C-alpha atoms as a PDB file:
ATOM      1  CA  UNK A   1      61.193  67.687 124.639  1.00  0.00           C
ATOM      2  CA  UNK A   2      60.730  68.274 128.155  1.00  0.00           C
ATOM      3  CA  UNK A   3      58.073  66.297 130.274  1.00  0.00           C
ATOM      4  CA  UNK A   4      55.923  69.446 130.803  1.00  0.00           C
ATOM      5  CA  UNK A   5      56.201  70.151 126.949  1.00  0.00           C
ATOM      6  CA  UNK A   6      54.765  66.578 126.139  1.00  0.00           C
ATOM      7  CA  UNK A   7      52.249  66.766 128.885  1.00  0.00           C
ATOM      8  CA  UNK A   8      51.133  70.105 127.524  1.00  0.00           C
ATOM      9  CA  UNK A   9      50.888  68.518 123.984  1.00  0.00           C
ATOM     10  CA  UNK A  10      48.727  65.766 125.649  1.00  0.00           C
ATOM     11  CA  UNK A  11      46.353  68.204 127.388  1.00  0.00           C
ATOM     12  CA  UNK A  12      46.052  70.055 123.968  1.00  0.00           C
ATOM     13  CA  UNK A  13      44.909  66.923 122.347  1.00  0.00           C
ATOM     14  CA  UNK A  14      42.679  66.426 125.097  1.00  0.00           C
ATOM     15  CA  UNK A  15      41.092  69.874 124.636  1.00  0.00           C
ATOM     16  CA  UNK A  16      40.672  69.624 120.824  1.00  0.00           C
ATOM     17  CA  UNK A  17      38.933  66.478 121.099  1.00  0.00           C
ATOM     18  CA  UNK A  18      36.748  67.520 123.790  1.00  0.00           C
ATOM     19  CA  UNK A  19      35.816  70.737 121.711  1.00  0.00           C
ATOM     20  CA  UNK A  20      35.176  68.862 118.603  1.00  0.00           C
ATOM     21  CA  UNK A  21      33.047  66.091 120.505  1.00  0.00           C
ATOM     22  CA  UNK A  22      30.886  68.453 122.205  1.00  0.00           C
ATOM     23  CA  UNK A  23      30.428  71.020 119.337  1.00  0.00           C
ATOM     24  CA  UNK A  24      29.468  68.027 117.041  1.00  0.00           C
ATOM     25  CA  UNK A  25      26.901  67.037 119.405  1.00  0.00           C
ATOM     26  CA  UNK A  26      25.550  70.457 119.863  1.00  0.00           C
ATOM     27  CA  UNK A  27      25.194  70.832 116.194  1.00  0.00           C
ATOM     28  CA  UNK A  28      23.602  67.446 115.758  1.00  0.00           C
ATOM     29  CA  UNK A  29      21.185  68.288 118.633  1.00  0.00           C
ATOM     30  CA  UNK A  30      20.386  71.951 118.178  1.00  0.00           C
ATOM     31  CA  UNK A  31      21.573  72.768 114.710  1.00  0.00           C
ATOM     32  CA  UNK A  32      20.512  69.723 112.732  1.00  0.00           C
ATOM     33  CA  UNK A  33      17.687  68.895 115.126  1.00  0.00           C
ATOM     34  CA  UNK A  34      18.551  65.347 114.522  1.00  0.00           C
ATOM     35  CA  UNK A  35      16.083  63.895 117.474  1.00  0.00           C
ATOM     36  CA  UNK A  36      13.365  65.196 115.170  1.00  0.00           C
ATOM     37  CA  UNK A  37      14.703  63.855 112.109  1.00  0.00           C
ATOM     38  CA  UNK A  38      15.892  60.494 113.338  1.00  0.00           C
ATOM     39  CA  UNK A  39      18.315  59.987 110.546  1.00  0.00           C
ATOM     40  CA  UNK A  40      19.668  61.851 107.507  1.00  0.00           C
ATOM     41  CA  UNK A  41      22.162  60.220 104.629  1.00  0.00           C
ATOM     42  CA  UNK A  42      25.192  61.950 104.149  1.00  0.00           C
ATOM     43  CA  UNK A  43      26.751  59.784 101.442  1.00  0.00           C
ATOM     44  CA  UNK A  44      26.464  56.066 100.417  1.00  0.00           C
ATOM     45  CA  UNK A  45      27.499  54.196 103.531  1.00  0.00           C
ATOM     46  CA  UNK A  46      27.291  57.014 105.977  1.00  0.00           C
ATOM     47  CA  UNK A  47      24.175  58.290 107.881  1.00  0.00           C
ATOM     48  CA  UNK A  48      23.739  60.854 111.011  1.00  0.00           C
ATOM     49  CA  UNK A  49      21.518  58.710 113.039  1.00  0.00           C
ATOM     50  CA  UNK A  50      20.195  59.756 116.562  1.00  0.00           C
ATOM     51  CA  UNK A  51      20.827  57.324 119.272  1.00  0.00           C
ATOM     52  CA  UNK A  52      20.707  57.961 123.075  1.00  0.00           C
ATOM     53  CA  UNK A  53      23.225  55.479 124.416  1.00  0.00           C
ATOM     54  CA  UNK A  54      22.354  54.631 128.173  1.00  0.00           C
ATOM     55  CA  UNK A  55      25.459  52.113 128.352  1.00  0.00           C
ATOM     56  CA  UNK A  56      28.875  52.097 127.585  1.00  0.00           C
ATOM     57  CA  UNK A  57      30.688  51.491 124.405  1.00  0.00           C
ATOM     58  CA  UNK A  58      28.364  49.692 121.811  1.00  0.00           C
ATOM     59  CA  UNK A  59      25.497  50.001 124.243  1.00  0.00           C
ATOM     60  CA  UNK A  60      26.907  47.512 126.648  1.00  0.00           C
ATOM     61  CA  UNK A  61      25.554  47.911 130.259  1.00  0.00           C
ATOM     62  CA  UNK A  62      22.789  49.846 129.188  1.00  0.00           C
ATOM     63  CA  UNK A  63      20.725  50.943 131.987  1.00  0.00           C
ATOM     64  CA  UNK A  64      17.952  53.598 132.281  1.00  0.00           C
ATOM     65  CA  UNK A  65      18.715  53.981 136.004  1.00  0.00           C
ATOM     66  CA  UNK A  66      20.149  57.278 137.140  1.00  0.00           C
ATOM     67  CA  UNK A  67      22.666  55.793 139.266  1.00  0.00           C
ATOM     68  CA  UNK A  68      23.882  53.422 136.675  1.00  0.00           C
ATOM     69  CA  UNK A  69      24.810  56.591 134.345  1.00  0.00           C
ATOM     70  CA  UNK A  70      26.528  58.126 137.599  1.00  0.00           C
ATOM     71  CA  UNK A  71      28.576  55.166 138.068  1.00  0.00           C
ATOM     72  CA  UNK A  72      29.469  54.898 134.785  1.00  0.00           C
ATOM     73  CA  UNK A  73      30.682  58.569 134.802  1.00  0.00           C
ATOM     74  CA  UNK A  74      32.526  58.026 137.991  1.00  0.00           C
ATOM     75  CA  UNK A  75      34.512  54.946 136.989  1.00  0.00           C
ATOM     76  CA  UNK A  76      35.158  57.116 133.597  1.00  0.00           C
ATOM     77  CA  UNK A  77      36.634  59.909 135.509  1.00  0.00           C
ATOM     78  CA  UNK A  78      38.737  57.545 137.276  1.00  0.00           C
ATOM     79  CA  UNK A  79      40.280  56.402 134.164  1.00  0.00           C
ATOM     80  CA  UNK A  80      40.886  59.652 133.102  1.00  0.00           C
ATOM     81  CA  UNK A  81      42.682  60.519 136.159  1.00  0.00           C
ATOM     82  CA  UNK A  82      45.055  57.437 135.507  1.00  0.00           C
ATOM     83  CA  UNK A  83      45.460  58.403 131.985  1.00  0.00           C
ATOM     84  CA  UNK A  84      46.479  61.857 133.169  1.00  0.00           C
ATOM     85  CA  UNK A  85      49.254  60.297 135.325  1.00  0.00           C
ATOM     86  CA  UNK A  86      50.184  57.964 132.519  1.00  0.00           C
ATOM     87  CA  UNK A  87      50.275  60.995 130.055  1.00  0.00           C
ATOM     88  CA  UNK A  88      52.528  62.778 132.698  1.00  0.00           C
ATOM     89  CA  UNK A  89      55.214  59.750 132.663  1.00  0.00           C
ATOM     90  CA  UNK A  90      54.861  59.105 129.043  1.00  0.00           C
ATOM     91  CA  UNK A  91      58.181  59.866 127.202  1.00  0.00           C
ATOM     92  CA  UNK A  92      57.190  59.789 123.467  1.00  0.00           C
ATOM     93  CA  UNK A  93      54.817  62.584 121.836  1.00  0.00           C
ATOM     94  CA  UNK A  94      52.828  59.987 120.039  1.00  0.00           C
ATOM     95  CA  UNK A  95      51.903  58.339 123.277  1.00  0.00           C
ATOM     96  CA  UNK A  96      50.627  61.498 124.756  1.00  0.00           C
ATOM     97  CA  UNK A  97      48.724  62.458 122.031  1.00  0.00           C
ATOM     98  CA  UNK A  98      46.983  59.104 121.865  1.00  0.00           C
ATOM     99  CA  UNK A  99      46.427  59.331 125.892  1.00  0.00           C
ATOM    100  CA  UNK A 100      44.996  62.967 125.202  1.00  0.00           C
ATOM    101  CA  UNK A 101      42.568  61.629 122.810  1.00  0.00           C
ATOM    102  CA  UNK A 102      41.267  58.864 124.685  1.00  0.00           C
ATOM    103  CA  UNK A 103      40.924  61.132 127.927  1.00  0.00           C
ATOM    104  CA  UNK A 104      39.179  63.809 126.119  1.00  0.00           C
ATOM    105  CA  UNK A 105      36.759  61.329 124.428  1.00  0.00           C
ATOM    106  CA  UNK A 106      36.144  60.134 127.846  1.00  0.00           C
ATOM    107  CA  UNK A 107      35.282  63.268 129.433  1.00  0.00           C
ATOM    108  CA  UNK A 108      33.109  64.012 126.327  1.00  0.00           C
ATOM    109  CA  UNK A 109      30.909  61.055 126.850  1.00  0.00           C
ATOM    110  CA  UNK A 110      30.835  61.843 130.671  1.00  0.00           C
ATOM    111  CA  UNK A 111      29.517  65.066 130.064  1.00  0.00           C
ATOM    112  CA  UNK A 112      26.869  63.793 127.964  1.00  0.00           C
ATOM    113  CA  UNK A 113      25.953  61.243 130.785  1.00  0.00           C
ATOM    114  CA  UNK A 114      25.601  63.864 133.223  1.00  0.00           C
ATOM    115  CA  UNK A 115      23.670  66.420 131.035  1.00  0.00           C
ATOM    116  CA  UNK A 116      21.542  64.108 129.206  1.00  0.00           C
ATOM    117  CA  UNK A 117      21.642  60.827 131.533  1.00  0.00           C
ATOM    118  CA  UNK A 118      22.781  59.234 128.033  1.00  0.00           C
ATOM    119  CA  UNK A 119      25.367  59.725 125.454  1.00  0.00           C
ATOM    120  CA  UNK A 120      24.482  61.381 122.135  1.00  0.00           C
ATOM    121  CA  UNK A 121      25.475  59.004 119.373  1.00  0.00           C
ATOM    122  CA  UNK A 122      25.061  59.965 115.716  1.00  0.00           C
ATOM    123  CA  UNK A 123      27.569  58.611 113.076  1.00  0.00           C
ATOM    124  CA  UNK A 124      26.517  55.554 111.523  1.00  0.00           C
ATOM    125  CA  UNK A 125      28.425  53.562 108.911  1.00  0.00           C
ATOM    126  CA  UNK A 126      27.392  50.779 106.875  1.00  0.00           C
ATOM    127  CA  UNK A 127      28.183  48.887 103.664  1.00  0.00           C
ATOM    128  CA  UNK A 128      26.943  45.634 101.796  1.00  0.00           C
ATOM    129  CA  UNK A 129      24.386  44.363 104.480  1.00  0.00           C
ATOM    130  CA  UNK A 130      27.092  45.377 107.159  1.00  0.00           C
ATOM    131  CA  UNK A 131      25.934  48.054 109.709  1.00  0.00           C
ATOM    132  CA  UNK A 132      28.268  49.326 112.390  1.00  0.00           C
ATOM    133  CA  UNK A 133      27.287  50.458 115.831  1.00  0.00           C
ATOM    134  CA  UNK A 134      26.157  54.298 115.967  1.00  0.00           C
ATOM    135  CA  UNK A 135      29.168  56.230 117.486  1.00  0.00           C
ATOM    136  CA  UNK A 136      30.380  59.849 118.062  1.00  0.00           C
ATOM    137  CA  UNK A 137      33.436  61.742 117.690  1.00  0.00           C
ATOM    138  CA  UNK A 138      34.388  60.937 121.338  1.00  0.00           C
ATOM    139  CA  UNK A 139      34.027  57.082 120.753  1.00  0.00           C
ATOM    140  CA  UNK A 140      36.018  57.745 117.659  1.00  0.00           C
ATOM    141  CA  UNK A 141      38.751  59.387 119.394  1.00  0.00           C
ATOM    142  CA  UNK A 142      38.911  56.905 122.008  1.00  0.00           C
ATOM    143  CA  UNK A 143      39.252  53.980 119.357  1.00  0.00           C
ATOM    144  CA  UNK A 144      42.070  55.550 117.531  1.00  0.00           C
ATOM    145  CA  UNK A 145      43.747  56.670 120.852  1.00  0.00           C
ATOM    146  CA  UNK A 146      43.871  52.840 121.958  1.00  0.00           C
ATOM    147  CA  UNK A 147      44.921  51.600 118.526  1.00  0.00           C
ATOM    148  CA  UNK A 148      47.749  54.213 118.614  1.00  0.00           C
ATOM    149  CA  UNK A 149      48.889  52.791 122.074  1.00  0.00           C
ATOM    150  CA  UNK A 150      48.722  49.355 120.934  1.00  0.00           C
ATOM    151  CA  UNK A 151      50.752  49.833 117.989  1.00  0.00           C
ATOM    152  CA  UNK A 152      53.395  51.955 120.170  1.00  0.00           C
ATOM    153  CA  UNK A 153      53.419  49.044 122.418  1.00  0.00           C
ATOM    154  CA  UNK A 154      54.169  46.486 119.417  1.00  0.00           C
ATOM    155  CA  UNK A 155      56.747  48.981 118.071  1.00  0.00           C
ATOM    156  CA  UNK A 156      58.458  49.444 121.442  1.00  0.00           C
ATOM    157  CA  UNK A 157      58.219  46.250 123.229  1.00  0.00           C
ATOM    158  CA  UNK A 158      61.338  47.089 125.081  1.00  0.00           C
ATOM    159  CA  UNK A 159      59.535  49.821 126.646  1.00  0.00           C
ATOM    160  CA  UNK A 160      56.846  47.631 128.189  1.00  0.00           C
ATOM    161  CA  UNK A 161      59.130  45.249 129.586  1.00  0.00           C
ATOM    162  CA  UNK A 162      61.482  47.957 131.399  1.00  0.00           C
ATOM    163  CA  UNK A 163      57.867  49.076 132.937  1.00  0.00           C
ATOM    164  CA  UNK A 164      57.352  45.546 134.483  1.00  0.00           C
ATOM    165  CA  UNK A 165      58.359  45.169 137.978  1.00  0.00           C
ATOM    166  CA  UNK A 166      61.022  42.444 138.517  1.00  0.00           C
ATOM    167  CA  UNK A 167      60.201  39.139 140.237  1.00  0.00           C
END
């Protein structure tokens, strides 16, 4: 497949991730009205629970300051630009799909940060006294995309070695 073809697939993954993320957040906020409900059990081990995340992944670097959210948004957009460049150079379809998912998720969370000053998180998984952080579709896409990139790197270590500069 040509570079343009792979890049187009990556952009499609980005667009699908972004649309799924924003549509789910719109439904949670305006359809279900989760901010008014607080939490809704879906089935044992999963609830829809409203959380406004003012920080980055898992609430790290939380800040209610407006400038903090803008800084995080700018950094995220810089990462998206780097992912786009990587996506353009990538030689395997799986890599461009993973990069598209990560970029789409990052853009989805940037949109929230710019619209609301915080990211809309609402998926809450728990079991046997254990509770995971509340997350969203964008976060899931980022984690799955990064996991796919790590697995790809493990399956194709020769590609990583070839990309390193010589000493």
